[in-house]
Amino acid sequence: IFGVYVSPNRGEGKVAVDSAELIAD
């Protein structure tokens, strides 16, 4: 994994994060 990105808002770019939690389903 080169980078992990999230955004709380739809329709805009993501923000790079140090880590993120993947939640099943």
PDB file of all heavy atoms in Angstrom:
ATOM      1  N   ILE A   1       0.867  -1.173   0.000  1.00  0.00           N
ATOM      2  CA  ILE A   1       0.000   0.000   0.000  1.00  0.00           C
ATOM      3  C   ILE A   1       0.905   1.224   0.000  1.00  0.00           C
ATOM      4  O   ILE A   1       1.740   1.398   0.887  1.00  0.00           O
ATOM      5  CB  ILE A   1      -0.931   0.009   1.232  1.00  0.00           C
ATOM      6  CG1 ILE A   1      -1.882  -1.186   1.193  1.00  0.00           C
ATOM      7  CG2 ILE A   1      -1.703   1.324   1.311  1.00  0.00           C
ATOM      8  CD1 ILE A   1      -2.804  -1.235  -0.012  1.00  0.00           C
ATOM      9  N   PHE A   2       0.773   2.051  -1.025  1.00  0.00           N
ATOM     10  CA  PHE A   2       1.557   3.271  -1.155  1.00  0.00           C
ATOM     11  C   PHE A   2       0.980   4.376  -0.283  1.00  0.00           C
ATOM     12  O   PHE A   2       1.711   5.133   0.343  1.00  0.00           O
ATOM     13  CB  PHE A   2       1.582   3.712  -2.621  1.00  0.00           C
ATOM     14  CG  PHE A   2       2.348   4.981  -2.857  1.00  0.00           C
ATOM     15  CD1 PHE A   2       3.712   4.952  -3.029  1.00  0.00           C
ATOM     16  CD2 PHE A   2       1.689   6.201  -2.902  1.00  0.00           C
ATOM     17  CE1 PHE A   2       4.426   6.119  -3.248  1.00  0.00           C
ATOM     18  CE2 PHE A   2       2.386   7.370  -3.118  1.00  0.00           C
ATOM     19  CZ  PHE A   2       3.755   7.329  -3.286  1.00  0.00           C
ATOM     20  N   GLY A   3      -0.365   4.478  -0.252  1.00  0.00           N
ATOM     21  CA  GLY A   3      -1.010   5.517   0.532  1.00  0.00           C
ATOM     22  C   GLY A   3      -2.431   5.147   0.907  1.00  0.00           C
ATOM     23  O   GLY A   3      -3.074   4.347   0.232  1.00  0.00           O
ATOM     24  N   VAL A   4      -2.913   5.747   2.010  1.00  0.00           N
ATOM     25  CA  VAL A   4      -4.263   5.517   2.521  1.00  0.00           C
ATOM     26  C   VAL A   4      -4.940   6.886   2.609  1.00  0.00           C
ATOM     27  O   VAL A   4      -4.361   7.832   3.147  1.00  0.00           O
ATOM     28  CB  VAL A   4      -4.230   4.844   3.913  1.00  0.00           C
ATOM     29  CG1 VAL A   4      -5.631   4.623   4.449  1.00  0.00           C
ATOM     30  CG2 VAL A   4      -3.457   3.531   3.860  1.00  0.00           C
ATOM     31  N   TYR A   5      -6.179   6.964   2.099  1.00  0.00           N
ATOM     32  CA  TYR A   5      -6.867   8.247   1.967  1.00  0.00           C
ATOM     33  C   TYR A   5      -8.327   8.129   2.386  1.00  0.00           C
ATOM     34  O   TYR A   5      -8.999   7.163   2.041  1.00  0.00           O
ATOM     35  CB  TYR A   5      -6.787   8.737   0.508  1.00  0.00           C
ATOM     36  CG  TYR A   5      -5.368   8.818   0.025  1.00  0.00           C
ATOM     37  CD1 TYR A   5      -4.731   7.705  -0.514  1.00  0.00           C
ATOM     38  CD2 TYR A   5      -4.636   9.991   0.152  1.00  0.00           C
ATOM     39  CE1 TYR A   5      -3.408   7.764  -0.928  1.00  0.00           C
ATOM     40  CE2 TYR A   5      -3.316  10.057  -0.256  1.00  0.00           C
ATOM     41  CZ  TYR A   5      -2.700   8.941  -0.798  1.00  0.00           C
ATOM     42  OH  TYR A   5      -1.397   9.003  -1.195  1.00  0.00           O
ATOM     43  N   VAL A   6      -8.815   9.125   3.112  1.00  0.00           N
ATOM     44  CA  VAL A   6     -10.219   9.171   3.525  1.00  0.00           C
ATOM     45  C   VAL A   6     -10.737  10.606   3.400  1.00  0.00           C
ATOM     46  O   VAL A   6      -9.951  11.552   3.353  1.00  0.00           O
ATOM     47  CB  VAL A   6     -10.425   8.682   4.978  1.00  0.00           C
ATOM     48  CG1 VAL A   6     -10.030   7.231   5.140  1.00  0.00           C
ATOM     49  CG2 VAL A   6      -9.688   9.551   5.969  1.00  0.00           C
ATOM     50  N   SER A   7     -12.055  10.723   3.364  1.00  0.00           N
ATOM     51  CA  SER A   7     -12.699  12.035   3.390  1.00  0.00           C
ATOM     52  C   SER A   7     -14.078  11.887   3.999  1.00  0.00           C
ATOM     53  O   SER A   7     -14.832  10.997   3.610  1.00  0.00           O
ATOM     54  CB  SER A   7     -12.845  12.609   1.979  1.00  0.00           C
ATOM     55  OG  SER A   7     -13.560  13.832   2.032  1.00  0.00           O
ATOM     56  N   PRO A   8     -14.433  12.746   4.944  1.00  0.00           N
ATOM     57  CA  PRO A   8     -15.764  12.673   5.535  1.00  0.00           C
ATOM     58  C   PRO A   8     -16.850  13.231   4.611  1.00  0.00           C
ATOM     59  O   PRO A   8     -18.025  13.062   4.872  1.00  0.00           O
ATOM     60  CB  PRO A   8     -15.635  13.512   6.810  1.00  0.00           C
ATOM     61  CG  PRO A   8     -14.530  14.471   6.515  1.00  0.00           C
ATOM     62  CD  PRO A   8     -13.594  13.752   5.587  1.00  0.00           C
ATOM     63  N   ASN A   9     -16.451  13.896   3.527  1.00  0.00           N
ATOM     64  CA  ASN A   9     -17.416  14.532   2.629  1.00  0.00           C
ATOM     65  C   ASN A   9     -17.320  13.968   1.216  1.00  0.00           C
ATOM     66  O   ASN A   9     -16.225  13.816   0.677  1.00  0.00           O
ATOM     67  CB  ASN A   9     -17.181  16.046   2.589  1.00  0.00           C
ATOM     68  CG  ASN A   9     -17.277  16.667   3.953  1.00  0.00           C
ATOM     69  OD1 ASN A   9     -18.234  16.441   4.684  1.00  0.00           O
ATOM     70  ND2 ASN A   9     -16.264  17.432   4.323  1.00  0.00           N
ATOM     71  N   ARG A  10     -18.481  13.688   0.628  1.00  0.00           N
ATOM     72  CA  ARG A  10     -18.535  13.207  -0.752  1.00  0.00           C
ATOM     73  C   ARG A  10     -18.229  14.355  -1.707  1.00  0.00           C
ATOM     74  O   ARG A  10     -18.488  15.515  -1.411  1.00  0.00           O
ATOM     75  CB  ARG A  10     -19.914  12.641  -1.051  1.00  0.00           C
ATOM     76  CG  ARG A  10     -20.222  11.386  -0.259  1.00  0.00           C
ATOM     77  CD  ARG A  10     -21.591  10.877  -0.597  1.00  0.00           C
ATOM     78  NE  ARG A  10     -21.558  10.310  -1.933  1.00  0.00           N
ATOM     79  CZ  ARG A  10     -21.769   9.044  -2.210  1.00  0.00           C
ATOM     80  NH1 ARG A  10     -22.058   8.200  -1.251  1.00  0.00           N
ATOM     81  NH2 ARG A  10     -21.708   8.600  -3.442  1.00  0.00           N
ATOM     82  N   GLY A  11     -17.679  13.984  -2.867  1.00  0.00           N
ATOM     83  CA  GLY A  11     -17.477  14.972  -3.917  1.00  0.00           C
ATOM     84  C   GLY A  11     -16.241  15.837  -3.765  1.00  0.00           C
ATOM     85  O   GLY A  11     -16.067  16.805  -4.487  1.00  0.00           O
ATOM     86  N   GLU A  12     -15.392  15.503  -2.827  1.00  0.00           N
ATOM     87  CA  GLU A  12     -14.143  16.258  -2.699  1.00  0.00           C
ATOM     88  C   GLU A  12     -12.995  15.282  -2.554  1.00  0.00           C
ATOM     89  O   GLU A  12     -13.194  14.089  -2.353  1.00  0.00           O
ATOM     90  CB  GLU A  12     -14.198  17.235  -1.526  1.00  0.00           C
ATOM     91  CG  GLU A  12     -14.479  16.613  -0.194  1.00  0.00           C
ATOM     92  CD  GLU A  12     -14.620  17.662   0.908  1.00  0.00           C
ATOM     93  OE1 GLU A  12     -15.413  18.594   0.744  1.00  0.00           O
ATOM     94  OE2 GLU A  12     -13.930  17.520   1.915  1.00  0.00           O
ATOM     95  N   GLY A  13     -11.792  15.783  -2.692  1.00  0.00           N
ATOM     96  CA  GLY A  13     -10.619  14.929  -2.591  1.00  0.00           C
ATOM     97  C   GLY A  13     -10.500  14.296  -1.219  1.00  0.00           C
ATOM     98  O   GLY A  13     -11.185  14.672  -0.269  1.00  0.00           O
ATOM     99  N   LYS A  14      -9.628  13.326  -1.145  1.00  0.00           N
ATOM    100  CA  LYS A  14      -9.382  12.618   0.108  1.00  0.00           C
ATOM    101  C   LYS A  14      -8.164  13.231   0.802  1.00  0.00           C
ATOM    102  O   LYS A  14      -7.410  13.993   0.206  1.00  0.00           O
ATOM    103  CB  LYS A  14      -9.119  11.140  -0.165  1.00  0.00           C
ATOM    104  CG  LYS A  14     -10.192  10.458  -1.001  1.00  0.00           C
ATOM    105  CD  LYS A  14     -11.235   9.842  -0.143  1.00  0.00           C
ATOM    106  CE  LYS A  14     -12.227   9.050  -0.982  1.00  0.00           C
ATOM    107  NZ  LYS A  14     -13.471   8.845  -0.309  1.00  0.00           N
ATOM    108  N   VAL A  15      -7.976  12.860   2.049  1.00  0.00           N
ATOM    109  CA  VAL A  15      -6.836  13.319   2.838  1.00  0.00           C
ATOM    110  C   VAL A  15      -5.977  12.104   3.171  1.00  0.00           C
ATOM    111  O   VAL A  15      -6.496  11.064   3.592  1.00  0.00           O
ATOM    112  CB  VAL A  15      -7.314  14.006   4.140  1.00  0.00           C
ATOM    113  CG1 VAL A  15      -6.147  14.393   5.023  1.00  0.00           C
ATOM    114  CG2 VAL A  15      -8.182  15.208   3.813  1.00  0.00           C
ATOM    115  N   ALA A  16      -4.672  12.236   2.984  1.00  0.00           N
ATOM    116  CA  ALA A  16      -3.754  11.153   3.339  1.00  0.00           C
ATOM    117  C   ALA A  16      -3.742  10.980   4.849  1.00  0.00           C
ATOM    118  O   ALA A  16      -3.708  11.968   5.593  1.00  0.00           O
ATOM    119  CB  ALA A  16      -2.349  11.467   2.834  1.00  0.00           C
ATOM    120  N   VAL A  17      -3.794   9.715   5.281  1.00  0.00           N
ATOM    121  CA  VAL A  17      -3.758   9.412   6.714  1.00  0.00           C
ATOM    122  C   VAL A  17      -2.662   8.392   6.984  1.00  0.00           C
ATOM    123  O   VAL A  17      -2.260   7.642   6.094  1.00  0.00           O
ATOM    124  CB  VAL A  17      -5.127   8.901   7.231  1.00  0.00           C
ATOM    125  CG1 VAL A  17      -6.182   9.994   7.126  1.00  0.00           C
ATOM    126  CG2 VAL A  17      -5.575   7.666   6.481  1.00  0.00           C
ATOM    127  N   ASP A  18      -2.172   8.375   8.235  1.00  0.00           N
ATOM    128  CA  ASP A  18      -1.131   7.435   8.626  1.00  0.00           C
ATOM    129  C   ASP A  18      -1.654   6.006   8.687  1.00  0.00           C
ATOM    130  O   ASP A  18      -0.914   5.061   8.449  1.00  0.00           O
ATOM    131  CB  ASP A  18      -0.534   7.810   9.983  1.00  0.00           C
ATOM    132  CG  ASP A  18       0.254   9.106   9.915  1.00  0.00           C
ATOM    133  OD1 ASP A  18       0.790   9.433   8.845  1.00  0.00           O
ATOM    134  OD2 ASP A  18       0.323   9.788  10.954  1.00  0.00           O
ATOM    135  N   SER A  19      -2.938   5.856   9.037  1.00  0.00           N
ATOM    136  CA  SER A  19      -3.565   4.544   9.060  1.00  0.00           C
ATOM    137  C   SER A  19      -5.078   4.743   9.064  1.00  0.00           C
ATOM    138  O   SER A  19      -5.559   5.834   9.365  1.00  0.00           O
ATOM    139  CB  SER A  19      -3.134   3.727  10.281  1.00  0.00           C
ATOM    140  OG  SER A  19      -3.637   4.294  11.458  1.00  0.00           O
ATOM    141  N   ALA A  20      -5.787   3.681   8.709  1.00  0.00           N
ATOM    142  CA  ALA A  20      -7.251   3.733   8.724  1.00  0.00           C
ATOM    143  C   ALA A  20      -7.775   2.353   9.088  1.00  0.00           C
ATOM    144  O   ALA A  20      -7.114   1.339   8.847  1.00  0.00           O
ATOM    145  CB  ALA A  20      -7.792   4.173   7.372  1.00  0.00           C
ATOM    146  N   GLU A  21      -8.966   2.333   9.644  1.00  0.00           N
ATOM    147  CA  GLU A  21      -9.600   1.076  10.034  1.00  0.00           C
ATOM    148  C   GLU A  21     -10.603   0.665   8.963  1.00  0.00           C
ATOM    149  O   GLU A  21     -11.528   1.412   8.651  1.00  0.00           O
ATOM    150  CB  GLU A  21     -10.304   1.244  11.381  1.00  0.00           C
ATOM    151  CG  GLU A  21     -10.807  -0.032  11.977  1.00  0.00           C
ATOM    152  CD  GLU A  21      -9.703  -0.986  12.424  1.00  0.00           C
ATOM    153  OE1 GLU A  21      -8.584  -0.531  12.757  1.00  0.00           O
ATOM    154  OE2 GLU A  21      -9.975  -2.196  12.455  1.00  0.00           O
ATOM    155  N   LEU A  22     -10.379  -0.529   8.398  1.00  0.00           N
ATOM    156  CA  LEU A  22     -11.339  -1.099   7.461  1.00  0.00           C
ATOM    157  C   LEU A  22     -12.341  -1.886   8.285  1.00  0.00           C
ATOM    158  O   LEU A  22     -11.960  -2.701   9.123  1.00  0.00           O
ATOM    159  CB  LEU A  22     -10.650  -2.027   6.457  1.00  0.00           C
ATOM    160  CG  LEU A  22      -9.516  -1.442   5.618  1.00  0.00           C
ATOM    161  CD1 LEU A  22      -9.076  -2.446   4.562  1.00  0.00           C
ATOM    162  CD2 LEU A  22      -9.905  -0.132   4.989  1.00  0.00           C
ATOM    163  N   ILE A  23     -13.618  -1.647   8.033  1.00  0.00           N
ATOM    164  CA  ILE A  23     -14.682  -2.302   8.796  1.00  0.00           C
ATOM    165  C   ILE A  23     -15.438  -3.239   7.858  1.00  0.00           C
ATOM    166  O   ILE A  23     -15.946  -2.796   6.814  1.00  0.00           O
ATOM    167  CB  ILE A  23     -15.634  -1.261   9.411  1.00  0.00           C
ATOM    168  CG1 ILE A  23     -14.831  -0.303  10.317  1.00  0.00           C
ATOM    169  CG2 ILE A  23     -16.762  -1.944  10.173  1.00  0.00           C
ATOM    170  CD1 ILE A  23     -15.599   0.903  10.780  1.00  0.00           C
ATOM    171  N   ALA A  24     -15.501  -4.519   8.211  1.00  0.00           N
ATOM    172  CA  ALA A  24     -16.144  -5.529   7.369  1.00  0.00           C
ATOM    173  C   ALA A  24     -17.583  -5.126   7.052  1.00  0.00           C
ATOM    174  O   ALA A  24     -18.311  -4.626   7.910  1.00  0.00           O
ATOM    175  CB  ALA A  24     -16.115  -6.893   8.052  1.00  0.00           C
ATOM    176  N   ASP A  25     -17.955  -5.346   5.799  1.00  0.00           N
ATOM    177  CA  ASP A  25     -19.311  -5.067   5.305  1.00  0.00           C
ATOM    178  C   ASP A  25     -19.745  -3.618   5.505  1.00  0.00           C
ATOM    179  O   ASP A  25     -20.935  -3.322   5.571  1.00  0.00           O
ATOM    180  CB  ASP A  25     -20.340  -6.009   5.947  1.00  0.00           C
ATOM    181  CG  ASP A  25     -20.095  -7.455   5.577  1.00  0.00           C
ATOM    182  OD1 ASP A  25     -19.778  -7.727   4.403  1.00  0.00           O
ATOM    183  OD2 ASP A  25     -20.185  -8.309   6.469  1.00  0.00           O
TER     184      ASP A  25
END
